[in-house]
Amino acid sequence: MGDVPNTDWLRDSGLPLDTGGGVAADACCRVAPGVVAAGDVVSRQGRRTPHWTNAVEQGRAAALGLLHGESARPYRPDP
């Protein structure tokens, strides 16, 4: 069982995609300068965590990462 993120439309965008098709983000959900991502499509350290709780929490972390940059607190998923 599993899911595959729909990121085909991002292939020529210049955004980093991992081998599984997820958008590669750093610990604060930042993808590129001025670009953040959250939810099922996000891959952190080569791993996606598709679950509604992570989507909500990543959204908060992504907003803080966008607003606070390097001083933002890293997203720590709840296992």
N, C-alpha and C. Protein backbone atom coordinates (compact mmCIF):
# COMPACT_ATOMS: atom_id res chain seq x y z
N MET A 1 0.84 -1.17 0.00
CA MET A 1 0.00 0.00 0.00
C MET A 1 0.89 1.23 0.00
N GLY A 2 0.34 2.28 -0.49
CA GLY A 2 1.09 3.51 -0.48
C GLY A 2 0.45 4.53 -1.38
N ASP A 3 1.11 5.63 -1.52
CA ASP A 3 0.63 6.67 -2.41
C ASP A 3 1.82 7.26 -3.15
N VAL A 4 1.53 7.89 -4.24
CA VAL A 4 2.57 8.52 -5.05
C VAL A 4 2.18 9.99 -5.20
N PRO A 5 3.08 10.90 -4.80
CA PRO A 5 2.73 12.32 -4.90
C PRO A 5 2.63 12.75 -6.37
N ASN A 6 1.68 13.61 -6.67
CA ASN A 6 1.50 14.14 -8.01
C ASN A 6 2.38 15.38 -8.17
N THR A 7 3.63 15.14 -8.57
CA THR A 7 4.58 16.25 -8.73
C THR A 7 5.10 16.36 -10.16
N ASP A 8 4.48 15.66 -11.10
CA ASP A 8 4.93 15.73 -12.49
C ASP A 8 4.97 17.17 -12.99
N TRP A 9 4.02 17.96 -12.56
CA TRP A 9 3.95 19.35 -13.01
C TRP A 9 5.10 20.20 -12.49
N LEU A 10 5.85 19.67 -11.52
CA LEU A 10 6.99 20.41 -10.95
C LEU A 10 8.33 20.01 -11.57
N ARG A 11 8.35 19.01 -12.44
CA ARG A 11 9.61 18.48 -12.97
C ARG A 11 10.53 19.54 -13.58
N ASP A 12 9.99 20.50 -14.28
CA ASP A 12 10.81 21.53 -14.92
C ASP A 12 10.85 22.84 -14.13
N SER A 13 10.41 22.80 -12.89
CA SER A 13 10.33 24.01 -12.08
C SER A 13 11.67 24.41 -11.46
N GLY A 14 12.58 23.46 -11.38
CA GLY A 14 13.84 23.74 -10.70
C GLY A 14 13.80 23.40 -9.22
N LEU A 15 12.61 23.05 -8.70
CA LEU A 15 12.51 22.65 -7.30
C LEU A 15 13.06 21.24 -7.14
N PRO A 16 13.70 20.97 -6.01
CA PRO A 16 14.30 19.64 -5.81
C PRO A 16 13.24 18.57 -5.53
N LEU A 17 13.27 17.51 -6.34
CA LEU A 17 12.38 16.35 -6.15
C LEU A 17 13.24 15.16 -5.80
N ASP A 18 12.78 14.33 -4.87
CA ASP A 18 13.56 13.13 -4.53
C ASP A 18 13.19 11.99 -5.49
N THR A 19 13.82 10.87 -5.34
CA THR A 19 13.61 9.75 -6.27
C THR A 19 12.19 9.19 -6.19
N GLY A 20 11.51 9.38 -5.08
CA GLY A 20 10.14 8.92 -4.94
C GLY A 20 9.11 9.93 -5.44
N GLY A 21 9.57 11.06 -5.94
CA GLY A 21 8.67 12.08 -6.46
C GLY A 21 8.28 13.15 -5.48
N GLY A 22 8.68 13.03 -4.22
CA GLY A 22 8.36 14.05 -3.24
C GLY A 22 9.19 15.30 -3.41
N VAL A 23 8.69 16.41 -2.92
CA VAL A 23 9.43 17.67 -2.95
C VAL A 23 10.39 17.67 -1.77
N ALA A 24 11.69 17.77 -2.06
CA ALA A 24 12.71 17.71 -1.02
C ALA A 24 12.75 19.03 -0.25
N ALA A 25 12.50 18.94 1.06
CA ALA A 25 12.48 20.12 1.92
C ALA A 25 13.48 19.94 3.06
N ASP A 26 13.92 21.06 3.62
CA ASP A 26 14.83 20.98 4.75
C ASP A 26 14.05 20.78 6.05
N ALA A 27 14.72 20.86 7.17
CA ALA A 27 14.10 20.61 8.47
C ALA A 27 12.99 21.60 8.82
N CYS A 28 12.99 22.76 8.16
CA CYS A 28 11.97 23.78 8.42
C CYS A 28 10.95 23.86 7.28
N CYS A 29 10.89 22.82 6.45
CA CYS A 29 9.94 22.71 5.32
C CYS A 29 10.23 23.72 4.22
N ARG A 30 11.46 24.24 4.17
CA ARG A 30 11.84 25.15 3.09
C ARG A 30 12.35 24.32 1.92
N VAL A 31 11.97 24.72 0.71
CA VAL A 31 12.35 24.00 -0.50
C VAL A 31 13.38 24.80 -1.29
N ALA A 32 13.19 26.08 -1.38
CA ALA A 32 14.07 27.01 -2.10
C ALA A 32 13.85 28.38 -1.46
N PRO A 33 14.69 29.36 -1.77
CA PRO A 33 14.47 30.69 -1.21
C PRO A 33 13.05 31.19 -1.53
N GLY A 34 12.29 31.50 -0.49
CA GLY A 34 10.94 31.99 -0.65
C GLY A 34 9.90 30.92 -0.99
N VAL A 35 10.30 29.65 -0.93
CA VAL A 35 9.38 28.55 -1.26
C VAL A 35 9.38 27.53 -0.12
N VAL A 36 8.21 27.20 0.39
CA VAL A 36 8.06 26.18 1.42
C VAL A 36 7.02 25.17 0.93
N ALA A 37 6.98 24.02 1.58
CA ALA A 37 6.01 22.99 1.22
C ALA A 37 5.52 22.29 2.48
N ALA A 38 4.32 21.75 2.40
CA ALA A 38 3.75 21.02 3.53
C ALA A 38 2.80 19.96 3.00
N GLY A 39 2.66 18.90 3.77
CA GLY A 39 1.69 17.86 3.45
C GLY A 39 2.30 16.62 2.84
N ASP A 40 1.46 15.84 2.19
CA ASP A 40 1.86 14.53 1.67
C ASP A 40 2.99 14.58 0.66
N VAL A 41 3.16 15.69 0.00
CA VAL A 41 4.15 15.81 -1.06
C VAL A 41 5.57 16.04 -0.51
N VAL A 42 5.69 16.46 0.74
CA VAL A 42 6.99 16.82 1.31
C VAL A 42 7.84 15.59 1.63
N SER A 43 9.09 15.66 1.23
CA SER A 43 10.07 14.63 1.56
C SER A 43 11.18 15.30 2.37
N ARG A 44 11.37 14.83 3.58
CA ARG A 44 12.42 15.35 4.45
C ARG A 44 13.40 14.23 4.70
N GLN A 45 14.64 14.47 4.40
CA GLN A 45 15.70 13.47 4.55
C GLN A 45 15.36 12.18 3.79
N GLY A 46 14.74 12.34 2.60
CA GLY A 46 14.41 11.20 1.76
C GLY A 46 13.20 10.41 2.19
N ARG A 47 12.42 10.94 3.12
CA ARG A 47 11.26 10.19 3.63
C ARG A 47 10.03 11.08 3.68
N ARG A 48 8.93 10.57 3.17
CA ARG A 48 7.65 11.26 3.24
C ARG A 48 6.83 10.69 4.39
N THR A 49 6.00 11.52 5.01
CA THR A 49 5.13 11.07 6.09
C THR A 49 3.70 11.51 5.78
N PRO A 50 3.03 10.79 4.85
CA PRO A 50 1.68 11.20 4.45
C PRO A 50 0.63 10.88 5.51
N HIS A 51 0.29 11.88 6.27
CA HIS A 51 -0.73 11.73 7.30
C HIS A 51 -1.30 13.12 7.57
N TRP A 52 -2.58 13.20 7.87
CA TRP A 52 -3.19 14.51 8.04
C TRP A 52 -2.56 15.32 9.16
N THR A 53 -2.13 14.67 10.23
CA THR A 53 -1.49 15.40 11.33
C THR A 53 -0.21 16.08 10.85
N ASN A 54 0.60 15.36 10.09
CA ASN A 54 1.82 15.95 9.58
C ASN A 54 1.53 17.11 8.64
N ALA A 55 0.49 16.99 7.84
CA ALA A 55 0.14 18.09 6.93
C ALA A 55 -0.18 19.36 7.70
N VAL A 56 -0.93 19.23 8.78
CA VAL A 56 -1.28 20.40 9.60
C VAL A 56 -0.03 20.97 10.27
N GLU A 57 0.74 20.12 10.90
CA GLU A 57 1.94 20.58 11.62
C GLU A 57 3.01 21.11 10.66
N GLN A 58 3.15 20.47 9.49
CA GLN A 58 4.11 20.97 8.51
C GLN A 58 3.68 22.32 7.97
N GLY A 59 2.38 22.54 7.85
CA GLY A 59 1.90 23.84 7.40
C GLY A 59 2.33 24.95 8.34
N ARG A 60 2.22 24.68 9.63
CA ARG A 60 2.67 25.66 10.64
C ARG A 60 4.18 25.87 10.54
N ALA A 61 4.92 24.76 10.44
CA ALA A 61 6.39 24.85 10.36
C ALA A 61 6.81 25.57 9.09
N ALA A 62 6.13 25.30 7.98
CA ALA A 62 6.46 25.95 6.71
C ALA A 62 6.23 27.45 6.80
N ALA A 63 5.11 27.86 7.42
CA ALA A 63 4.84 29.29 7.57
C ALA A 63 5.92 29.96 8.41
N LEU A 64 6.31 29.32 9.51
CA LEU A 64 7.37 29.88 10.35
C LEU A 64 8.70 29.90 9.61
N GLY A 65 8.98 28.85 8.84
CA GLY A 65 10.21 28.81 8.05
C GLY A 65 10.26 29.92 7.02
N LEU A 66 9.12 30.22 6.42
CA LEU A 66 9.04 31.29 5.43
C LEU A 66 9.20 32.65 6.09
N LEU A 67 8.57 32.84 7.24
CA LEU A 67 8.61 34.13 7.91
C LEU A 67 9.90 34.39 8.68
N HIS A 68 10.48 33.33 9.28
CA HIS A 68 11.63 33.53 10.17
C HIS A 68 12.96 33.01 9.60
N GLY A 69 12.93 32.36 8.46
CA GLY A 69 14.16 31.91 7.81
C GLY A 69 14.99 30.99 8.69
N GLU A 70 16.26 31.26 8.78
CA GLU A 70 17.20 30.41 9.51
C GLU A 70 16.92 30.33 11.01
N SER A 71 16.20 31.30 11.56
CA SER A 71 15.92 31.26 12.99
C SER A 71 14.66 30.45 13.32
N ALA A 72 14.00 29.89 12.30
CA ALA A 72 12.79 29.10 12.53
C ALA A 72 13.14 27.79 13.22
N ARG A 73 12.22 27.32 14.04
CA ARG A 73 12.40 26.05 14.74
C ARG A 73 12.14 24.91 13.75
N PRO A 74 13.00 23.91 13.72
CA PRO A 74 12.80 22.78 12.81
C PRO A 74 11.52 22.01 13.13
N TYR A 75 10.90 21.45 12.10
CA TYR A 75 9.73 20.61 12.25
C TYR A 75 10.16 19.25 12.77
N ARG A 76 9.53 18.81 13.82
CA ARG A 76 9.80 17.49 14.40
C ARG A 76 8.51 16.70 14.38
N PRO A 77 8.40 15.73 13.45
CA PRO A 77 7.15 14.97 13.38
C PRO A 77 6.91 14.15 14.62
N ASP A 78 5.66 14.02 14.96
CA ASP A 78 5.25 13.19 16.09
C ASP A 78 5.08 11.77 15.57
N PRO A 79 5.84 10.82 16.09
CA PRO A 79 5.76 9.45 15.54
C PRO A 79 4.39 8.82 15.70
